[in-house]
C-alpha atoms as a PDB file:
ATOM      1  CA  MET A   1      -8.391   1.540   8.128  1.00  0.00           C
ATOM      2  CA  LYS A   2      -4.610   1.696   7.738  1.00  0.00           C
ATOM      3  CA  ALA A   3      -4.345   3.833  11.045  1.00  0.00           C
ATOM      4  CA  LEU A   4      -6.256   1.240  12.717  1.00  0.00           C
ATOM      5  CA  LYS A   5      -3.978  -1.462  11.527  1.00  0.00           C
ATOM      6  CA  LEU A   6      -1.017   0.458  12.545  1.00  0.00           C
ATOM      7  CA  LEU A   7      -2.676   1.272  15.799  1.00  0.00           C
ATOM      8  CA  ASN A   8      -3.586  -2.388  16.398  1.00  0.00           C
ATOM      9  CA  SER A   9       0.261  -2.984  15.970  1.00  0.00           C
ATOM     10  CA  GLY A  10       1.678  -0.621  18.575  1.00  0.00           C
ATOM     11  CA  VAL A  11       1.442   2.812  20.225  1.00  0.00           C
ATOM     12  CA  PHE A  12       1.958   6.006  17.980  1.00  0.00           C
ATOM     13  CA  THR A  13       2.243   9.858  18.214  1.00  0.00           C
ATOM     14  CA  ILE A  14       0.656  12.050  15.614  1.00  0.00           C
ATOM     15  CA  ASP A  15       3.930  12.430  14.071  1.00  0.00           C
ATOM     16  CA  THR A  16       5.189   8.850  13.874  1.00  0.00           C
ATOM     17  CA  LEU A  17       1.604   7.704  12.491  1.00  0.00           C
ATOM     18  CA  ALA A  18       1.839  10.677  10.022  1.00  0.00           C
ATOM     19  CA  SER A  19       5.212   9.399   9.098  1.00  0.00           C
ATOM     20  CA  LYS A  20       4.002   5.696   8.707  1.00  0.00           C
ATOM     21  CA  LEU A  21       0.948   6.392   6.787  1.00  0.00           C
ATOM     22  CA  GLY A  22       2.755   9.091   4.339  1.00  0.00           C
ATOM     23  CA  VAL A  23       0.536  11.788   5.043  1.00  0.00           C
ATOM     24  CA  ASP A  24       0.384  15.115   6.712  1.00  0.00           C
ATOM     25  CA  LYS A  25       0.202  15.404  10.387  1.00  0.00           C
ATOM     26  CA  TYR A  26      -2.756  17.855  10.441  1.00  0.00           C
ATOM     27  CA  VAL A  27      -4.663  15.210   8.387  1.00  0.00           C
ATOM     28  CA  VAL A  28      -3.666  12.283  10.819  1.00  0.00           C
ATOM     29  CA  LYS A  29      -4.808  14.550  13.413  1.00  0.00           C
ATOM     30  CA  GLU A  30      -8.110  14.973  12.136  1.00  0.00           C
ATOM     31  CA  LEU A  31      -8.331  11.272  11.744  1.00  0.00           C
ATOM     32  CA  ILE A  32      -7.300  10.586  15.132  1.00  0.00           C
ATOM     33  CA  ASP A  33      -9.840  12.940  16.646  1.00  0.00           C
ATOM     34  CA  TYR A  34     -12.432  11.231  14.693  1.00  0.00           C
ATOM     35  CA  LEU A  35     -11.359   8.081  16.097  1.00  0.00           C
ATOM     36  CA  VAL A  36     -11.307   9.330  19.594  1.00  0.00           C
ATOM     37  CA  ILE A  37     -14.726  10.579  19.423  1.00  0.00           C
ATOM     38  CA  ARG A  38     -16.119   7.068  18.162  1.00  0.00           C
ATOM     39  CA  ARG A  39     -14.101   5.585  20.734  1.00  0.00           C
ATOM     40  CA  TYR A  40     -11.851   3.390  18.853  1.00  0.00           C
ATOM     41  CA  VAL A  41      -8.676   5.038  20.243  1.00  0.00           C
ATOM     42  CA  ASN A  42      -7.755   6.670  23.175  1.00  0.00           C
ATOM     43  CA  GLU A  43      -5.395   9.600  23.601  1.00  0.00           C
ATOM     44  CA  VAL A  44      -2.934   9.315  26.514  1.00  0.00           C
ATOM     45  CA  GLU A  45      -0.621  11.725  27.786  1.00  0.00           C
ATOM     46  CA  ILE A  46       2.289  10.186  29.086  1.00  0.00           C
ATOM     47  CA  GLY A  47       5.457  11.390  30.856  1.00  0.00           C
ATOM     48  CA  PRO A  48       8.446  10.771  33.254  1.00  0.00           C
ATOM     49  CA  GLU A  49       5.949   9.775  36.141  1.00  0.00           C
ATOM     50  CA  CYS A  50       4.885   6.737  33.978  1.00  0.00           C
ATOM     51  CA  LYS A  51       8.270   5.267  34.317  1.00  0.00           C
ATOM     52  CA  SER A  52       7.567   3.455  37.322  1.00  0.00           C
ATOM     53  CA  LYS A  53       4.708   1.775  35.829  1.00  0.00           C
ATOM     54  CA  CYS A  54       6.308   0.439  33.119  1.00  0.00           C
ATOM     55  CA  ALA A  55       6.721  -3.130  34.136  1.00  0.00           C
ATOM     56  CA  THR A  56       3.007  -3.518  34.523  1.00  0.00           C
ATOM     57  CA  CYS A  57       1.813  -1.604  31.575  1.00  0.00           C
ATOM     58  CA  ARG A  58       0.342  -3.350  28.691  1.00  0.00           C
ATOM     59  CA  ILE A  59       1.847  -1.046  26.101  1.00  0.00           C
ATOM     60  CA  ALA A  60       5.201  -0.830  27.477  1.00  0.00           C
ATOM     61  CA  LYS A  61       6.949  -2.543  24.705  1.00  0.00           C
ATOM     62  CA  SER A  62       5.562  -0.432  21.972  1.00  0.00           C
ATOM     63  CA  CYS A  63       5.387   3.075  23.848  1.00  0.00           C
ATOM     64  CA  PRO A  64       7.909   5.552  22.650  1.00  0.00           C
ATOM     65  CA  PHE A  65       8.350   6.986  26.183  1.00  0.00           C
ATOM     66  CA  TYR A  66       9.631   3.711  27.291  1.00  0.00           C
ATOM     67  CA  LYS A  67      11.836   3.144  24.704  1.00  0.00           C
ATOM     68  CA  LEU A  68      13.326   6.677  24.307  1.00  0.00           C
ATOM     69  CA  ASN A  69      13.167   7.040  28.143  1.00  0.00           C
ATOM     70  CA  LEU A  70      11.867  10.866  27.500  1.00  0.00           C
ATOM     71  CA  ASN A  71      11.881  13.615  30.124  1.00  0.00           C
ATOM     72  CA  THR A  72       8.774  15.401  29.015  1.00  0.00           C
ATOM     73  CA  LYS A  73       5.147  14.403  28.304  1.00  0.00           C
ATOM     74  CA  ILE A  74       3.866  13.392  25.098  1.00  0.00           C
ATOM     75  CA  LYS A  75       0.604  12.268  23.642  1.00  0.00           C
ATOM     76  CA  ILE A  76       0.217   8.877  22.436  1.00  0.00           C
ATOM     77  CA  TYR A  77      -2.656   7.131  20.859  1.00  0.00           C
ATOM     78  CA  VAL A  78      -3.756   3.714  21.573  1.00  0.00           C
ATOM     79  CA  ILE A  79      -6.340   1.340  20.197  1.00  0.00           C
ATOM     80  CA  THR A  80      -9.164   0.343  22.234  1.00  0.00           C
ATOM     81  CA  GLU A  81     -11.039  -2.942  22.579  1.00  0.00           C
ATOM     82  CA  LYS A  82     -13.917  -1.271  20.620  1.00  0.00           C
ATOM     83  CA  GLY A  83     -11.157  -0.318  17.839  1.00  0.00           C
ATOM     84  CA  ILE A  84      -9.695  -3.800  17.985  1.00  0.00           C
ATOM     85  CA  ASP A  85     -13.202  -5.401  17.555  1.00  0.00           C
ATOM     86  CA  TYR A  86     -14.106  -3.061  14.731  1.00  0.00           C
ATOM     87  CA  PHE A  87     -10.631  -3.838  12.924  1.00  0.00           C
ATOM     88  CA  LYS A  88     -11.196  -7.825  13.513  1.00  0.00           C
ATOM     89  CA  ARG A  89     -14.633  -7.308  11.934  1.00  0.00           C
ATOM     90  CA  TYR A  90     -13.498  -5.438   9.111  1.00  0.00           C
ATOM     91  CA  THR A  91     -10.730  -7.457   8.075  1.00  0.00           C
ATOM     92  CA  LYS A  92     -12.837 -10.518   8.519  1.00  0.00           C
ATOM     93  CA  VAL A  93     -15.393  -9.324   6.133  1.00  0.00           C
ATOM     94  CA  ASN A  94     -12.765  -8.145   3.529  1.00  0.00           C
ATOM     95  CA  HIS A  95     -10.929 -11.516   3.692  1.00  0.00           C
ATOM     96  CA  SER A  96     -14.071 -13.379   3.273  1.00  0.00           C
ATOM     97  CA  SER A  97     -15.354 -11.496   0.213  1.00  0.00           C
END
């Protein structure tokens, strides 16, 4: 659930998510693969061609490409509406218990 909570707050790469969670990046990769299969998270490959679209992109403010002005493609992970709904339901259930 910590991974979804983080993803709900922004956009991450495997490395940045692993760092935030304090676990090995290979563990995070397995977790992300599971979340992608369940459609809670989308994997998005971004690169220099995205720069022209930043002004209209909903994730631009938390996007590492936008912040760092990278010149190479990277994969980022973005929570989906399904993931947001699951996160909201899960946190609501846990807070009402």
